[in-house]
Amino acid sequence: MDPLSWATLVTEWTLAPLPLVVTVWSVGLYALGVLVLAKRGDRWPVGRSIAWGVGMLAFYLATSSGLAAYDTVLLSVHMAQHMVLSMIVPLSLALGAPVTLALRTLPKRPRGWLLAVLHSRVAKVLSFPPLTFLLYVISPWALYFTSWYDASLSNAYVHEMMHVHLVAVGALFFWPIVGVDPLPGRVAHPFRVLLTVLTLPFHAFLGVTIMGQSALIGGDHYPALHDGPMGAWLPDPRADQELAGGILWGAGDLVGIVFFVVLFVQWVRASMKEAEREDRRLDRLEARSE
């Protein structure tokens, strides 16, 4: 492969079947739902459609662009891909509110099936906030400090399942907290903010640990690449691992701050709507008393 650059990140595209199919179907079905609402004369917020589009675009870029082409060549590139899949994609998709869109557009029987899933015991367990928080903060440690990551470098199936895992765990954590869908596991806004704040030190600690440890993540995989034709431009594996830890630390804090701002805005809007409802209730009581 050519030396990593902004140009190669754009030109080194691969037509990976699974990401392409998932992206096309997800965007197509979402657009179909919006069109069904429009034909009924109902309005769907443009911001939600944009959020869904951004999420699916980020997913496709992370799994098919140069990020995917170089993610087994440089740990730093993999780490950038990791942050996109585990934070940006789930956050954007959650703001797209696809469950709400489905409930408003599906026929009666499929809508009943979806409601049954949402009210199932499995859904309640998987959306339990303390559990999703633990999964979200423990998964990266399990990935980089067990044989799991080594297996993903040598096995294409494990590699793809790692991508699925990152998105799935991120979705389990972000969806009940920042999403607007009627999912189990939704808690009051102060607790949502607390969960968000608690994730920040875990990303920082993991990033610092990766930067400071002497053992190389991936074992001999990255040093062995220096024996081939890419050895002329590949950076020192130790220096690249330090960069990867810095990306995890910095990107985790940056996206966490964005996440915090989104939650704060949602909290303010919810408070304003609650105040309006209370004003209307008091006005009705006053009218009745007169």
Protein backbone atom coordinates (compact mmCIF):
# COMPACT_ATOMS: atom_id res chain seq x y z
CA MET A 1 0.00 0.00 0.00
CA ASP A 2 1.05 3.58 -0.64
CA PRO A 3 2.08 5.80 2.26
CA LEU A 4 -0.83 7.04 4.33
CA SER A 5 -2.03 10.51 3.36
CA TRP A 6 -5.25 12.45 3.01
CA ALA A 7 -5.30 11.40 -0.63
CA THR A 8 -5.00 7.67 0.11
CA LEU A 9 -7.71 7.92 2.75
CA VAL A 10 -9.99 9.03 -0.07
CA THR A 11 -8.72 6.82 -2.89
CA GLU A 12 -8.22 3.52 -1.04
CA TRP A 13 -11.88 2.53 -1.19
CA THR A 14 -13.08 -1.05 -0.96
CA LEU A 15 -16.55 -2.27 -1.93
CA ALA A 16 -17.10 -4.31 1.23
CA PRO A 17 -20.42 -6.14 0.70
CA LEU A 18 -21.78 -6.04 4.27
CA PRO A 19 -21.27 -2.29 4.94
CA LEU A 20 -22.62 -1.42 1.49
CA VAL A 21 -25.78 -3.52 1.92
CA VAL A 22 -26.39 -2.24 5.46
CA THR A 23 -25.91 1.39 4.39
CA VAL A 24 -28.12 1.19 1.30
CA TRP A 25 -30.97 -0.61 3.06
CA SER A 26 -30.82 1.58 6.17
CA VAL A 27 -30.86 4.83 4.23
CA GLY A 28 -33.48 3.53 1.79
CA LEU A 29 -35.91 2.30 4.45
CA TYR A 30 -35.52 5.51 6.45
CA ALA A 31 -36.18 7.63 3.35
CA LEU A 32 -39.21 5.47 2.53
CA GLY A 33 -40.61 6.10 6.02
CA VAL A 34 -40.17 9.84 5.63
CA LEU A 35 -41.92 9.72 2.25
CA VAL A 36 -44.84 7.76 3.72
CA LEU A 37 -45.29 10.45 6.38
CA ALA A 38 -45.08 13.20 3.76
CA LYS A 39 -47.78 11.58 1.64
CA ARG A 40 -50.04 11.49 4.72
CA GLY A 41 -49.38 15.17 5.30
CA ASP A 42 -47.34 14.56 8.46
CA ARG A 43 -44.10 16.40 9.10
CA TRP A 44 -40.87 14.65 10.05
CA PRO A 45 -38.13 16.87 11.53
CA VAL A 46 -35.38 17.55 9.00
CA GLY A 47 -32.77 17.45 11.75
CA ARG A 48 -33.56 13.81 12.47
CA SER A 49 -33.14 12.88 8.80
CA ILE A 50 -29.81 14.72 8.70
CA ALA A 51 -28.64 12.95 11.87
CA TRP A 52 -29.52 9.55 10.38
CA GLY A 53 -27.73 10.40 7.14
CA VAL A 54 -24.63 11.59 9.00
CA GLY A 55 -24.59 8.40 11.06
CA MET A 56 -24.85 6.09 8.06
CA LEU A 57 -22.28 8.13 6.12
CA ALA A 58 -19.86 7.88 9.05
CA PHE A 59 -20.49 4.14 9.25
CA TYR A 60 -19.78 3.64 5.55
CA LEU A 61 -16.67 5.83 5.61
CA ALA A 62 -15.29 3.97 8.61
CA THR A 63 -15.83 0.53 7.07
CA SER A 64 -15.12 1.14 3.37
CA SER A 65 -12.82 4.15 2.92
CA GLY A 66 -9.11 4.48 3.59
CA LEU A 67 -9.84 4.09 7.30
CA ALA A 68 -10.86 0.50 6.60
CA ALA A 69 -7.98 -0.05 4.16
CA TYR A 70 -5.33 1.02 6.69
CA ASP A 71 -6.97 -0.16 9.93
CA THR A 72 -4.82 -3.31 10.04
CA VAL A 73 -1.69 -1.43 8.94
CA LEU A 74 -1.60 1.34 11.55
CA LEU A 75 -3.01 1.11 15.06
CA SER A 76 -3.61 4.88 15.02
CA VAL A 77 -5.90 4.54 11.99
CA HIS A 78 -7.75 1.69 13.65
CA MET A 79 -8.23 3.85 16.75
CA ALA A 80 -9.74 6.66 14.67
CA GLN A 81 -12.06 4.09 13.10
CA HIS A 82 -12.90 2.76 16.58
CA MET A 83 -13.98 6.18 17.81
CA VAL A 84 -16.15 6.79 14.73
CA LEU A 85 -17.92 3.44 15.06
CA SER A 86 -18.37 3.47 18.83
CA MET A 87 -19.31 7.11 19.37
CA ILE A 88 -20.13 9.19 16.27
CA VAL A 89 -22.21 6.53 14.50
CA PRO A 90 -24.38 5.49 17.51
CA LEU A 91 -24.89 9.10 18.63
CA SER A 92 -26.00 10.23 15.17
CA LEU A 93 -28.27 7.24 14.59
CA ALA A 94 -29.90 7.68 17.99
CA LEU A 95 -30.74 11.30 17.15
CA GLY A 96 -32.34 10.06 13.93
CA ALA A 97 -35.15 8.38 15.94
CA PRO A 98 -35.70 5.42 13.57
CA VAL A 99 -37.90 3.53 16.04
CA THR A 100 -40.30 6.47 16.27
CA LEU A 101 -40.35 6.69 12.47
CA ALA A 102 -41.08 2.98 12.19
CA LEU A 103 -43.92 3.12 14.74
CA ARG A 104 -45.53 5.95 12.78
CA THR A 105 -45.25 4.31 9.36
CA LEU A 106 -45.36 0.51 9.72
CA PRO A 107 -48.57 -1.43 9.06
CA LYS A 108 -50.51 -2.66 12.08
CA ARG A 109 -49.04 -6.15 12.39
CA PRO A 110 -45.33 -5.25 11.99
CA ARG A 111 -45.87 -2.32 14.35
CA GLY A 112 -47.27 -4.76 16.90
CA TRP A 113 -44.20 -6.96 16.53
CA LEU A 114 -41.94 -3.97 17.08
CA LEU A 115 -43.88 -2.92 20.17
CA ALA A 116 -43.63 -6.48 21.52
CA VAL A 117 -39.86 -6.36 21.10
CA LEU A 118 -39.62 -2.97 22.81
CA HIS A 119 -41.61 -4.22 25.79
CA SER A 120 -39.83 -7.58 26.02
CA ARG A 121 -37.69 -8.59 28.97
CA VAL A 122 -34.63 -8.86 26.74
CA ALA A 123 -35.01 -5.23 25.61
CA LYS A 124 -35.39 -4.07 29.21
CA VAL A 125 -32.23 -5.93 30.28
CA LEU A 126 -30.15 -4.74 27.31
CA SER A 127 -31.20 -1.12 27.88
CA PHE A 128 -30.63 -1.13 31.66
CA PRO A 129 -28.37 1.96 32.08
CA PRO A 130 -25.84 0.54 34.61
CA LEU A 131 -25.39 -2.54 32.41
CA THR A 132 -24.94 -0.56 29.19
CA PHE A 133 -22.50 1.74 30.96
CA LEU A 134 -20.38 -1.21 32.10
CA LEU A 135 -20.44 -2.75 28.63
CA TYR A 136 -19.40 0.54 27.08
CA VAL A 137 -16.42 1.20 29.36
CA ILE A 138 -15.23 -2.42 29.73
CA SER A 139 -15.41 -3.46 26.05
CA PRO A 140 -12.36 -1.43 24.92
CA TRP A 141 -10.26 -2.92 27.70
CA ALA A 142 -11.36 -6.40 26.70
CA LEU A 143 -10.60 -5.63 23.06
CA TYR A 144 -7.06 -4.31 23.47
CA PHE A 145 -5.83 -6.34 26.45
CA THR A 146 -6.98 -9.82 25.46
CA SER A 147 -6.35 -12.00 22.41
CA TRP A 148 -9.48 -10.57 20.78
CA TYR A 149 -7.66 -7.77 18.97
CA ASP A 150 -4.89 -10.11 17.79
CA ALA A 151 -7.55 -12.41 16.34
CA SER A 152 -9.19 -9.50 14.52
CA LEU A 153 -5.90 -8.78 12.74
CA SER A 154 -5.63 -12.29 11.33
CA ASN A 155 -9.27 -13.29 10.82
CA ALA A 156 -11.54 -11.27 8.51
CA TYR A 157 -14.72 -12.57 10.17
CA VAL A 158 -13.54 -11.59 13.66
CA HIS A 159 -12.48 -8.24 12.24
CA GLU A 160 -15.96 -7.52 10.83
CA MET A 161 -17.65 -8.73 14.02
CA MET A 162 -15.46 -6.32 15.97
CA HIS A 163 -16.93 -3.47 13.90
CA VAL A 164 -20.45 -4.75 14.58
CA HIS A 165 -19.66 -5.01 18.28
CA LEU A 166 -18.38 -1.42 18.48
CA VAL A 167 -21.54 -0.04 16.87
CA ALA A 168 -23.86 -2.31 18.88
CA VAL A 169 -22.36 -1.49 22.28
CA GLY A 170 -22.29 2.21 21.43
CA ALA A 171 -25.95 2.04 20.39
CA LEU A 172 -26.97 0.23 23.59
CA PHE A 173 -25.33 3.00 25.62
CA PHE A 174 -26.28 6.10 23.60
CA TRP A 175 -29.80 5.22 22.43
CA PRO A 176 -31.70 5.28 25.77
CA ILE A 177 -29.71 8.28 26.99
CA VAL A 178 -29.69 10.72 24.07
CA GLY A 179 -32.23 9.22 21.68
CA VAL A 180 -35.83 10.36 21.40
CA ASP A 181 -37.25 6.91 20.65
CA PRO A 182 -39.67 5.33 23.19
CA LEU A 183 -37.18 2.75 24.41
CA PRO A 184 -36.97 1.02 27.80
CA GLY A 185 -34.11 2.16 29.98
CA ARG A 186 -34.75 5.88 29.62
CA VAL A 187 -33.89 7.75 32.80
CA ALA A 188 -34.17 11.33 34.05
CA HIS A 189 -31.92 13.93 32.46
CA PRO A 190 -29.68 14.44 35.53
CA PHE A 191 -28.80 10.74 35.51
CA ARG A 192 -28.12 10.86 31.76
CA VAL A 193 -25.69 13.73 32.29
CA LEU A 194 -24.02 11.80 35.13
CA LEU A 195 -23.49 8.74 32.92
CA THR A 196 -21.97 10.94 30.23
CA VAL A 197 -19.56 12.59 32.65
CA LEU A 198 -18.51 9.19 34.02
CA THR A 199 -17.39 7.98 30.59
CA LEU A 200 -14.82 10.76 30.19
CA PRO A 201 -12.21 9.53 32.72
CA PHE A 202 -12.48 5.96 31.40
CA HIS A 203 -11.53 7.06 27.88
CA ALA A 204 -8.70 9.20 29.25
CA PHE A 205 -7.36 6.42 31.49
CA LEU A 206 -7.47 3.84 28.68
CA GLY A 207 -5.75 6.24 26.29
CA VAL A 208 -2.98 7.02 28.80
CA THR A 209 -2.55 3.30 29.53
CA ILE A 210 -2.13 2.48 25.83
CA MET A 211 0.34 5.36 25.42
CA GLY A 212 2.43 4.31 28.39
CA GLN A 213 2.56 0.53 28.21
CA SER A 214 5.71 -1.15 26.90
CA ALA A 215 4.02 -4.14 25.24
CA LEU A 216 2.77 -3.57 21.72
CA ILE A 217 -0.93 -4.04 21.03
CA GLY A 218 -1.25 -6.59 18.25
CA GLY A 219 1.95 -8.38 19.26
CA ASP A 220 4.28 -8.91 16.31
CA HIS A 221 1.73 -7.90 13.68
CA TYR A 222 2.79 -4.28 13.22
CA PRO A 223 6.58 -4.83 13.55
CA ALA A 224 6.32 -7.63 10.95
CA LEU A 225 4.92 -5.16 8.40
CA HIS A 226 8.27 -3.34 8.49
CA ASP A 227 9.90 -6.35 6.82
CA GLY A 228 7.79 -5.86 3.70
CA PRO A 229 7.62 -3.11 1.09
CA MET A 230 5.73 -0.79 3.45
CA GLY A 231 8.64 -0.72 5.86
CA ALA A 232 10.08 2.30 4.04
CA TRP A 233 7.24 4.57 5.18
CA LEU A 234 5.63 2.91 8.20
CA PRO A 235 6.24 4.75 11.48
CA ASP A 236 7.78 3.07 14.48
CA PRO A 237 5.10 0.79 16.03
CA ARG A 238 5.78 2.20 19.48
CA ALA A 239 5.31 5.79 18.28
CA ASP A 240 2.17 4.82 16.38
CA GLN A 241 0.75 3.19 19.52
CA GLU A 242 1.35 6.39 21.47
CA LEU A 243 -0.51 8.29 18.76
CA ALA A 244 -3.35 5.75 18.94
CA GLY A 245 -3.65 6.24 22.70
CA GLY A 246 -3.72 10.00 22.20
CA ILE A 247 -6.48 9.68 19.59
CA LEU A 248 -8.54 7.57 21.99
CA TRP A 249 -8.04 10.05 24.81
CA GLY A 250 -8.60 13.22 22.81
CA ALA A 251 -11.44 12.01 20.58
CA GLY A 252 -13.21 10.39 23.52
CA ASP A 253 -13.20 13.64 25.45
CA LEU A 254 -14.17 15.71 22.40
CA VAL A 255 -17.13 13.55 21.41
CA GLY A 256 -18.08 13.26 25.09
CA ILE A 257 -18.32 17.05 25.30
CA VAL A 258 -20.50 17.12 22.18
CA PHE A 259 -22.64 14.41 23.75
CA PHE A 260 -22.91 16.48 26.94
CA VAL A 261 -24.02 19.56 24.95
CA VAL A 262 -26.70 17.52 23.15
CA LEU A 263 -27.99 16.21 26.48
CA PHE A 264 -28.01 19.67 27.98
CA VAL A 265 -30.02 21.08 25.06
CA GLN A 266 -32.48 18.20 25.32
CA TRP A 267 -32.79 18.79 29.06
CA VAL A 268 -33.52 22.49 28.56
CA ARG A 269 -36.12 21.75 25.87
CA ALA A 270 -37.80 19.11 28.04
CA SER A 271 -37.91 21.57 30.96
CA MET A 272 -39.45 24.25 28.76
CA LYS A 273 -42.12 21.85 27.47
CA GLU A 274 -42.88 20.74 31.03
CA ALA A 275 -43.22 24.38 32.10
CA GLU A 276 -45.61 25.03 29.21
CA ARG A 277 -47.74 22.02 30.17
CA GLU A 278 -47.83 23.19 33.77
CA ASP A 279 -48.86 26.70 32.68
CA ARG A 280 -51.70 25.26 30.59
CA ARG A 281 -52.82 23.11 33.53
CA LEU A 282 -52.87 26.09 35.87
CA ASP A 283 -54.75 28.15 33.28
CA ARG A 284 -57.42 25.44 33.04
CA LEU A 285 -57.76 25.27 36.82
CA GLU A 286 -58.07 29.04 37.02
CA ALA A 287 -60.70 29.06 34.27
CA ARG A 288 -62.74 26.41 36.08
CA SER A 289 -62.56 28.29 39.37
CA GLU A 290 -63.99 31.39 37.72
